[in-house]
């Protein structure tokens, strides 16, 4: 039995519908991948900007740390000077026979950056 013109035409239409459906599916797939790619590019930009902001934040913390450390060193130096002065005054009072009301020297400041736990 041979296929008639109606069957051939039906098969051709079916092939065309299938080809059209495949093209549309491929187009949807390309559009979906393009949107995914654009999302990745956007996310990358956000992450890179966040990294730059974190670098600036770390630099600011480093600067603050340096300033605080310098201030602390200045205060430590001032404390040493005051302690030496008080010790001298106590010696002079002793030599002059002034009753012993010893001026107490303040305890040295604790520098957490010089702690044994700092790496």
C-alpha atoms as a PDB file:
ATOM      1  CA  UNK A   1       0.000   0.000   0.000  1.00  0.00           C
ATOM      2  CA  UNK A   2       1.369   3.374  -0.902  1.00  0.00           C
ATOM      3  CA  UNK A   3       0.832   6.473   1.088  1.00  0.00           C
ATOM      4  CA  UNK A   4      -1.489   8.962  -0.432  1.00  0.00           C
ATOM      5  CA  UNK A   5      -1.037  12.681  -0.875  1.00  0.00           C
ATOM      6  CA  UNK A   6      -3.082  13.365   2.255  1.00  0.00           C
ATOM      7  CA  UNK A   7      -0.806  11.198   4.415  1.00  0.00           C
ATOM      8  CA  UNK A   8       2.319  12.833   2.976  1.00  0.00           C
ATOM      9  CA  UNK A   9       0.890  16.258   3.566  1.00  0.00           C
ATOM     10  CA  UNK A  10      -0.060  15.275   7.145  1.00  0.00           C
ATOM     11  CA  UNK A  11       3.499  14.011   7.769  1.00  0.00           C
ATOM     12  CA  UNK A  12       4.994  17.217   6.323  1.00  0.00           C
ATOM     13  CA  UNK A  13       2.760  19.361   8.534  1.00  0.00           C
ATOM     14  CA  UNK A  14       3.693  17.251  11.553  1.00  0.00           C
ATOM     15  CA  UNK A  15       7.419  17.662  10.752  1.00  0.00           C
ATOM     16  CA  UNK A  16       6.957  21.414  10.322  1.00  0.00           C
ATOM     17  CA  UNK A  17       5.117  21.701  13.657  1.00  0.00           C
ATOM     18  CA  UNK A  18       7.840  19.657  15.339  1.00  0.00           C
ATOM     19  CA  UNK A  19      10.589  21.810  13.753  1.00  0.00           C
ATOM     20  CA  UNK A  20       8.754  25.003  14.776  1.00  0.00           C
ATOM     21  CA  UNK A  21       8.316  23.693  18.335  1.00  0.00           C
ATOM     22  CA  UNK A  22      12.033  22.823  18.461  1.00  0.00           C
ATOM     23  CA  UNK A  23      13.005  26.307  17.228  1.00  0.00           C
ATOM     24  CA  UNK A  24      10.749  27.936  19.823  1.00  0.00           C
ATOM     25  CA  UNK A  25      12.135  25.696  22.583  1.00  0.00           C
ATOM     26  CA  UNK A  26      15.682  26.541  21.482  1.00  0.00           C
ATOM     27  CA  UNK A  27      14.809  30.255  21.491  1.00  0.00           C
ATOM     28  CA  UNK A  28      13.321  29.984  25.013  1.00  0.00           C
ATOM     29  CA  UNK A  29      16.431  28.125  26.138  1.00  0.00           C
ATOM     30  CA  UNK A  30      18.713  30.837  24.695  1.00  0.00           C
ATOM     31  CA  UNK A  31      16.658  33.580  26.355  1.00  0.00           C
ATOM     32  CA  UNK A  32      16.750  31.700  29.676  1.00  0.00           C
ATOM     33  CA  UNK A  33      20.526  31.229  29.464  1.00  0.00           C
ATOM     34  CA  UNK A  34      20.987  34.902  28.531  1.00  0.00           C
ATOM     35  CA  UNK A  35      18.979  35.981  31.592  1.00  0.00           C
ATOM     36  CA  UNK A  36      20.987  33.608  33.799  1.00  0.00           C
ATOM     37  CA  UNK A  37      24.215  35.033  32.382  1.00  0.00           C
ATOM     38  CA  UNK A  38      23.035  38.606  32.973  1.00  0.00           C
ATOM     39  CA  UNK A  39      22.171  37.643  36.561  1.00  0.00           C
ATOM     40  CA  UNK A  40      25.645  36.181  37.051  1.00  0.00           C
ATOM     41  CA  UNK A  41      27.275  39.311  35.610  1.00  0.00           C
ATOM     42  CA  UNK A  42      25.178  41.519  37.908  1.00  0.00           C
ATOM     43  CA  UNK A  43      25.981  39.350  40.927  1.00  0.00           C
ATOM     44  CA  UNK A  44      29.686  39.476  40.048  1.00  0.00           C
ATOM     45  CA  UNK A  45      29.559  43.277  39.927  1.00  0.00           C
ATOM     46  CA  UNK A  46      27.876  43.390  43.333  1.00  0.00           C
ATOM     47  CA  UNK A  47      30.462  41.012  44.826  1.00  0.00           C
ATOM     48  CA  UNK A  48      33.388  42.985  43.364  1.00  0.00           C
ATOM     49  CA  UNK A  49      31.943  46.226  44.726  1.00  0.00           C
ATOM     50  CA  UNK A  50      31.485  44.590  48.131  1.00  0.00           C
ATOM     51  CA  UNK A  51      35.119  43.426  48.063  1.00  0.00           C
ATOM     52  CA  UNK A  52      36.294  46.966  47.299  1.00  0.00           C
ATOM     53  CA  UNK A  53      34.150  48.332  50.143  1.00  0.00           C
ATOM     54  CA  UNK A  54      35.605  45.738  52.535  1.00  0.00           C
ATOM     55  CA  UNK A  55      39.145  46.689  51.465  1.00  0.00           C
ATOM     56  CA  UNK A  56      38.389  50.338  52.245  1.00  0.00           C
ATOM     57  CA  UNK A  57      36.825  49.350  55.574  1.00  0.00           C
ATOM     58  CA  UNK A  58      39.896  47.287  56.509  1.00  0.00           C
ATOM     59  CA  UNK A  59      42.181  50.165  55.525  1.00  0.00           C
ATOM     60  CA  UNK A  60      40.147  52.498  57.751  1.00  0.00           C
ATOM     61  CA  UNK A  61      40.410  50.032  60.651  1.00  0.00           C
ATOM     62  CA  UNK A  62      44.173  49.808  60.097  1.00  0.00           C
ATOM     63  CA  UNK A  63      44.446  53.602  60.169  1.00  0.00           C
ATOM     64  CA  UNK A  64      42.325  53.805  63.324  1.00  0.00           C
ATOM     65  CA  UNK A  65      44.455  51.098  64.936  1.00  0.00           C
ATOM     66  CA  UNK A  66      47.670  52.955  64.072  1.00  0.00           C
ATOM     67  CA  UNK A  67      46.320  56.215  65.474  1.00  0.00           C
ATOM     68  CA  UNK A  68      45.129  54.501  68.650  1.00  0.00           C
ATOM     69  CA  UNK A  69      48.459  52.727  69.048  1.00  0.00           C
ATOM     70  CA  UNK A  70      50.328  56.036  68.632  1.00  0.00           C
ATOM     71  CA  UNK A  71      48.075  57.701  71.199  1.00  0.00           C
ATOM     72  CA  UNK A  72      48.603  54.788  73.570  1.00  0.00           C
ATOM     73  CA  UNK A  73      52.383  55.010  73.141  1.00  0.00           C
ATOM     74  CA  UNK A  74      52.235  58.743  73.884  1.00  0.00           C
ATOM     75  CA  UNK A  75      50.180  58.089  77.000  1.00  0.00           C
ATOM     76  CA  UNK A  76      52.607  55.377  78.097  1.00  0.00           C
ATOM     77  CA  UNK A  77      55.512  57.774  77.641  1.00  0.00           C
ATOM     78  CA  UNK A  78      53.633  60.412  79.635  1.00  0.00           C
ATOM     79  CA  UNK A  79      52.926  57.883  82.376  1.00  0.00           C
ATOM     80  CA  UNK A  80      56.625  57.030  82.599  1.00  0.00           C
ATOM     81  CA  UNK A  81      57.502  60.705  82.929  1.00  0.00           C
ATOM     82  CA  UNK A  82      54.888  61.227  85.649  1.00  0.00           C
ATOM     83  CA  UNK A  83      56.094  58.103  87.503  1.00  0.00           C
ATOM     84  CA  UNK A  84      59.711  59.307  87.403  1.00  0.00           C
ATOM     85  CA  UNK A  85      58.623  62.730  88.615  1.00  0.00           C
ATOM     86  CA  UNK A  86      56.636  61.215  91.500  1.00  0.00           C
ATOM     87  CA  UNK A  87      59.566  58.985  92.466  1.00  0.00           C
ATOM     88  CA  UNK A  88      61.873  62.018  92.492  1.00  0.00           C
ATOM     89  CA  UNK A  89      59.387  63.991  94.582  1.00  0.00           C
ATOM     90  CA  UNK A  90      59.164  61.121  97.071  1.00  0.00           C
ATOM     91  CA  UNK A  91      62.978  61.026  97.318  1.00  0.00           C
ATOM     92  CA  UNK A  92      63.139  64.808  97.886  1.00  0.00           C
ATOM     93  CA  UNK A  93      60.436  64.597 100.525  1.00  0.00           C
ATOM     94  CA  UNK A  94      62.384  61.856 102.268  1.00  0.00           C
ATOM     95  CA  UNK A  95      65.626  63.881 102.159  1.00  0.00           C
ATOM     96  CA  UNK A  96      63.831  66.973 103.454  1.00  0.00           C
ATOM     97  CA  UNK A  97      62.248  64.974 106.266  1.00  0.00           C
ATOM     98  CA  UNK A  98      58.698  65.568 105.175  1.00  0.00           C
ATOM     99  CA  UNK A  99      56.361  62.972 106.707  1.00  0.00           C
ATOM    100  CA  UNK A 100      55.852  59.953 104.529  1.00  0.00           C
ATOM    101  CA  UNK A 101      52.694  60.510 102.590  1.00  0.00           C
ATOM    102  CA  UNK A 102      54.035  58.731  99.589  1.00  0.00           C
ATOM    103  CA  UNK A 103      52.522  59.811  96.356  1.00  0.00           C
ATOM    104  CA  UNK A 104      51.519  56.595  94.700  1.00  0.00           C
ATOM    105  CA  UNK A 105      52.570  56.026  91.165  1.00  0.00           C
ATOM    106  CA  UNK A 106      49.795  54.788  88.940  1.00  0.00           C
ATOM    107  CA  UNK A 107      50.032  51.297  87.531  1.00  0.00           C
ATOM    108  CA  UNK A 108      51.397  51.181  84.008  1.00  0.00           C
ATOM    109  CA  UNK A 109      48.742  50.996  81.349  1.00  0.00           C
ATOM    110  CA  UNK A 110      48.010  47.608  79.894  1.00  0.00           C
ATOM    111  CA  UNK A 111      48.566  47.417  76.175  1.00  0.00           C
ATOM    112  CA  UNK A 112      46.377  44.604  74.791  1.00  0.00           C
ATOM    113  CA  UNK A 113      48.381  44.688  71.543  1.00  0.00           C
ATOM    114  CA  UNK A 114      51.447  43.470  73.439  1.00  0.00           C
ATOM    115  CA  UNK A 115      49.546  40.582  74.989  1.00  0.00           C
ATOM    116  CA  UNK A 116      51.013  37.106  74.948  1.00  0.00           C
ATOM    117  CA  UNK A 117      47.939  36.007  72.991  1.00  0.00           C
ATOM    118  CA  UNK A 118      48.611  38.280  70.026  1.00  0.00           C
ATOM    119  CA  UNK A 119      50.050  36.487  67.026  1.00  0.00           C
END
